[in-house]
Amino acid sequence: MNSYIDSHDIAGITQEPLWANLSVIPQDVGIFDKTVLENLQLAKYDASFDEIVEACEKARVHNNIIQMTNGYHSIV
């Protein structure tokens, strides 16, 4: 049995470009009982609020966050 990405058999792809284009999304979510903002600051503790908003906009989750009752200050 072969594995395919966009109809390309990965057996014919060298490892470097293959690994450069793969991501892993773990099934076990690691969110702490803190605010959205505090959880996001774990990635970069000294990030300004504007930097976090910009990152969330790029990740297309900003609109979801601001629709929460307390926005970035909502406990998750």
N, C-alpha and C. Protein backbone atom coordinates (compact mmCIF):
# COMPACT_ATOMS: atom_id res chain seq x y z
N MET A 1 0.85 -1.17 0.00
CA MET A 1 0.00 0.00 0.00
C MET A 1 0.90 1.24 0.00
N ASN A 2 0.60 2.18 -0.85
CA ASN A 2 1.39 3.40 -0.95
C ASN A 2 0.66 4.56 -0.28
N SER A 3 1.43 5.57 0.10
CA SER A 3 0.86 6.79 0.67
C SER A 3 1.01 7.91 -0.35
N TYR A 4 -0.02 8.74 -0.46
CA TYR A 4 -0.02 9.79 -1.46
C TYR A 4 -0.30 11.15 -0.82
N ILE A 5 0.31 12.18 -1.39
CA ILE A 5 0.02 13.56 -1.05
C ILE A 5 -0.31 14.25 -2.36
N ASP A 6 -1.53 14.75 -2.48
CA ASP A 6 -1.99 15.38 -3.73
C ASP A 6 -1.68 14.51 -4.94
N SER A 7 -2.03 13.27 -4.86
CA SER A 7 -1.87 12.26 -5.92
C SER A 7 -0.41 11.94 -6.26
N HIS A 8 0.53 12.37 -5.43
CA HIS A 8 1.94 12.05 -5.63
C HIS A 8 2.34 10.96 -4.64
N ASP A 9 2.88 9.88 -5.14
CA ASP A 9 3.35 8.80 -4.28
C ASP A 9 4.56 9.31 -3.51
N ILE A 10 4.49 9.30 -2.17
CA ILE A 10 5.59 9.86 -1.38
C ILE A 10 6.86 9.02 -1.48
N ALA A 11 6.74 7.82 -2.01
CA ALA A 11 7.94 7.00 -2.20
C ALA A 11 8.88 7.65 -3.22
N GLY A 12 8.34 8.51 -4.08
CA GLY A 12 9.15 9.18 -5.10
C GLY A 12 9.61 10.56 -4.69
N ILE A 13 9.37 10.94 -3.43
CA ILE A 13 9.76 12.26 -2.95
C ILE A 13 10.93 12.09 -1.98
N THR A 14 11.97 12.92 -2.14
CA THR A 14 13.10 12.83 -1.21
C THR A 14 12.64 13.33 0.16
N GLN A 15 13.34 12.89 1.20
CA GLN A 15 12.91 13.17 2.57
C GLN A 15 12.92 14.65 2.92
N GLU A 16 13.91 15.40 2.48
CA GLU A 16 14.02 16.80 2.89
C GLU A 16 12.78 17.62 2.53
N PRO A 17 12.33 17.64 1.27
CA PRO A 17 11.12 18.42 0.98
C PRO A 17 9.86 17.81 1.61
N LEU A 18 9.86 16.51 1.79
CA LEU A 18 8.71 15.87 2.42
C LEU A 18 8.56 16.35 3.86
N TRP A 19 9.64 16.27 4.64
CA TRP A 19 9.59 16.68 6.05
C TRP A 19 9.40 18.18 6.19
N ALA A 20 9.88 18.96 5.23
CA ALA A 20 9.71 20.41 5.29
C ALA A 20 8.25 20.82 5.12
N ASN A 21 7.44 19.93 4.58
CA ASN A 21 6.04 20.26 4.30
C ASN A 21 5.05 19.46 5.13
N LEU A 22 5.51 18.79 6.16
CA LEU A 22 4.62 18.02 7.02
C LEU A 22 4.47 18.70 8.37
N SER A 23 3.30 18.54 8.96
CA SER A 23 3.03 19.06 10.29
C SER A 23 2.37 17.98 11.12
N VAL A 24 2.53 18.07 12.41
CA VAL A 24 1.87 17.15 13.32
C VAL A 24 0.93 17.95 14.20
N ILE A 25 -0.29 17.48 14.29
CA ILE A 25 -1.26 18.12 15.16
C ILE A 25 -1.63 17.10 16.23
N PRO A 26 -1.12 17.29 17.45
CA PRO A 26 -1.39 16.31 18.50
C PRO A 26 -2.87 16.28 18.87
N GLN A 27 -3.34 15.12 19.26
CA GLN A 27 -4.73 14.96 19.66
C GLN A 27 -4.96 15.38 21.10
N ASP A 28 -3.91 15.41 21.90
CA ASP A 28 -4.00 15.80 23.30
C ASP A 28 -3.71 17.29 23.41
N VAL A 29 -4.72 18.08 23.72
CA VAL A 29 -4.57 19.53 23.76
C VAL A 29 -3.89 19.94 25.06
N GLY A 30 -2.90 20.81 24.97
CA GLY A 30 -2.18 21.27 26.14
C GLY A 30 -2.54 22.70 26.51
N ILE A 31 -3.77 22.91 26.96
CA ILE A 31 -4.21 24.24 27.36
C ILE A 31 -4.33 24.26 28.88
N PHE A 32 -3.83 25.32 29.47
CA PHE A 32 -3.89 25.45 30.92
C PHE A 32 -5.13 26.21 31.34
N ASP A 33 -5.54 26.04 32.57
CA ASP A 33 -6.72 26.70 33.11
C ASP A 33 -6.40 28.17 33.38
N LYS A 34 -6.20 28.89 32.30
CA LYS A 34 -5.85 30.31 32.37
C LYS A 34 -6.59 31.03 31.25
N THR A 35 -6.32 32.31 31.08
CA THR A 35 -6.97 33.05 30.00
C THR A 35 -6.36 32.67 28.65
N VAL A 36 -7.09 33.01 27.61
CA VAL A 36 -6.57 32.79 26.25
C VAL A 36 -5.23 33.49 26.12
N LEU A 37 -5.16 34.74 26.58
CA LEU A 37 -3.93 35.52 26.49
C LEU A 37 -2.77 34.84 27.21
N GLU A 38 -3.00 34.38 28.43
CA GLU A 38 -1.94 33.72 29.20
C GLU A 38 -1.47 32.44 28.52
N ASN A 39 -2.39 31.68 27.94
CA ASN A 39 -2.01 30.47 27.22
C ASN A 39 -1.16 30.81 26.00
N LEU A 40 -1.53 31.87 25.29
CA LEU A 40 -0.76 32.27 24.11
C LEU A 40 0.62 32.81 24.49
N GLN A 41 0.72 33.46 25.64
CA GLN A 41 2.01 33.99 26.09
C GLN A 41 2.99 32.89 26.46
N LEU A 42 2.52 31.66 26.61
CA LEU A 42 3.44 30.56 26.90
C LEU A 42 4.40 30.33 25.73
N ALA A 43 3.95 30.66 24.53
CA ALA A 43 4.80 30.49 23.35
C ALA A 43 5.90 31.54 23.31
N LYS A 44 5.59 32.75 23.79
CA LYS A 44 6.58 33.84 23.83
C LYS A 44 6.19 34.75 24.99
N TYR A 45 6.80 34.50 26.13
CA TYR A 45 6.38 35.16 27.37
C TYR A 45 6.46 36.68 27.32
N ASP A 46 7.37 37.22 26.49
CA ASP A 46 7.53 38.67 26.45
C ASP A 46 6.79 39.32 25.27
N ALA A 47 5.90 38.57 24.63
CA ALA A 47 5.14 39.11 23.50
C ALA A 47 4.17 40.18 23.98
N SER A 48 4.11 41.26 23.23
CA SER A 48 3.15 42.31 23.56
C SER A 48 1.75 41.85 23.14
N PHE A 49 0.75 42.53 23.66
CA PHE A 49 -0.62 42.20 23.29
C PHE A 49 -0.80 42.35 21.78
N ASP A 50 -0.23 43.41 21.21
CA ASP A 50 -0.35 43.63 19.76
C ASP A 50 0.29 42.50 18.96
N GLU A 51 1.42 41.99 19.43
CA GLU A 51 2.07 40.86 18.75
C GLU A 51 1.18 39.61 18.79
N ILE A 52 0.55 39.39 19.92
CA ILE A 52 -0.32 38.23 20.06
C ILE A 52 -1.54 38.37 19.16
N VAL A 53 -2.13 39.55 19.12
CA VAL A 53 -3.27 39.79 18.24
C VAL A 53 -2.86 39.57 16.78
N GLU A 54 -1.70 40.09 16.40
CA GLU A 54 -1.22 39.92 15.03
C GLU A 54 -1.04 38.44 14.69
N ALA A 55 -0.46 37.68 15.61
CA ALA A 55 -0.26 36.24 15.39
C ALA A 55 -1.61 35.53 15.27
N CYS A 56 -2.56 35.93 16.09
CA CYS A 56 -3.89 35.31 16.04
C CYS A 56 -4.62 35.67 14.75
N GLU A 57 -4.41 36.88 14.27
CA GLU A 57 -5.00 37.27 12.98
C GLU A 57 -4.40 36.43 11.85
N LYS A 58 -3.09 36.23 11.89
CA LYS A 58 -2.43 35.40 10.87
C LYS A 58 -2.93 33.97 10.93
N ALA A 59 -3.20 33.48 12.14
CA ALA A 59 -3.69 32.11 12.32
C ALA A 59 -5.20 32.02 12.10
N ARG A 60 -5.82 33.16 11.85
CA ARG A 60 -7.26 33.24 11.59
C ARG A 60 -8.11 32.76 12.77
N VAL A 61 -7.66 33.08 13.98
CA VAL A 61 -8.45 32.74 15.17
C VAL A 61 -8.85 33.99 15.96
N HIS A 62 -8.36 35.14 15.56
CA HIS A 62 -8.64 36.39 16.27
C HIS A 62 -10.14 36.64 16.38
N ASN A 63 -10.87 36.50 15.28
CA ASN A 63 -12.31 36.77 15.30
C ASN A 63 -13.04 35.83 16.25
N ASN A 64 -12.60 34.58 16.32
CA ASN A 64 -13.21 33.63 17.26
C ASN A 64 -12.95 34.06 18.69
N ILE A 65 -11.74 34.52 18.96
CA ILE A 65 -11.36 34.92 20.32
C ILE A 65 -12.16 36.14 20.76
N ILE A 66 -12.26 37.15 19.90
CA ILE A 66 -12.95 38.38 20.32
C ILE A 66 -14.46 38.17 20.46
N GLN A 67 -14.98 37.08 19.91
CA GLN A 67 -16.40 36.77 20.09
C GLN A 67 -16.67 36.08 21.43
N MET A 68 -15.62 35.65 22.11
CA MET A 68 -15.79 35.04 23.43
C MET A 68 -16.21 36.14 24.41
N THR A 69 -16.86 35.75 25.49
CA THR A 69 -17.40 36.71 26.46
C THR A 69 -16.38 37.75 26.90
N ASN A 70 -15.19 37.32 27.23
CA ASN A 70 -14.14 38.24 27.70
C ASN A 70 -12.97 38.32 26.73
N GLY A 71 -13.19 37.94 25.49
CA GLY A 71 -12.14 38.03 24.48
C GLY A 71 -10.86 37.32 24.92
N TYR A 72 -9.75 38.00 24.79
CA TYR A 72 -8.45 37.43 25.14
C TYR A 72 -8.33 37.16 26.64
N HIS A 73 -9.24 37.71 27.42
CA HIS A 73 -9.20 37.52 28.88
C HIS A 73 -10.18 36.44 29.34
N SER A 74 -10.72 35.67 28.39
CA SER A 74 -11.61 34.56 28.71
C SER A 74 -10.81 33.39 29.25
N ILE A 75 -11.32 32.75 30.29
CA ILE A 75 -10.69 31.56 30.85
C ILE A 75 -11.03 30.38 29.94
N VAL A 76 -10.02 29.59 29.61
CA VAL A 76 -10.25 28.39 28.79
C VAL A 76 -9.92 27.15 29.59
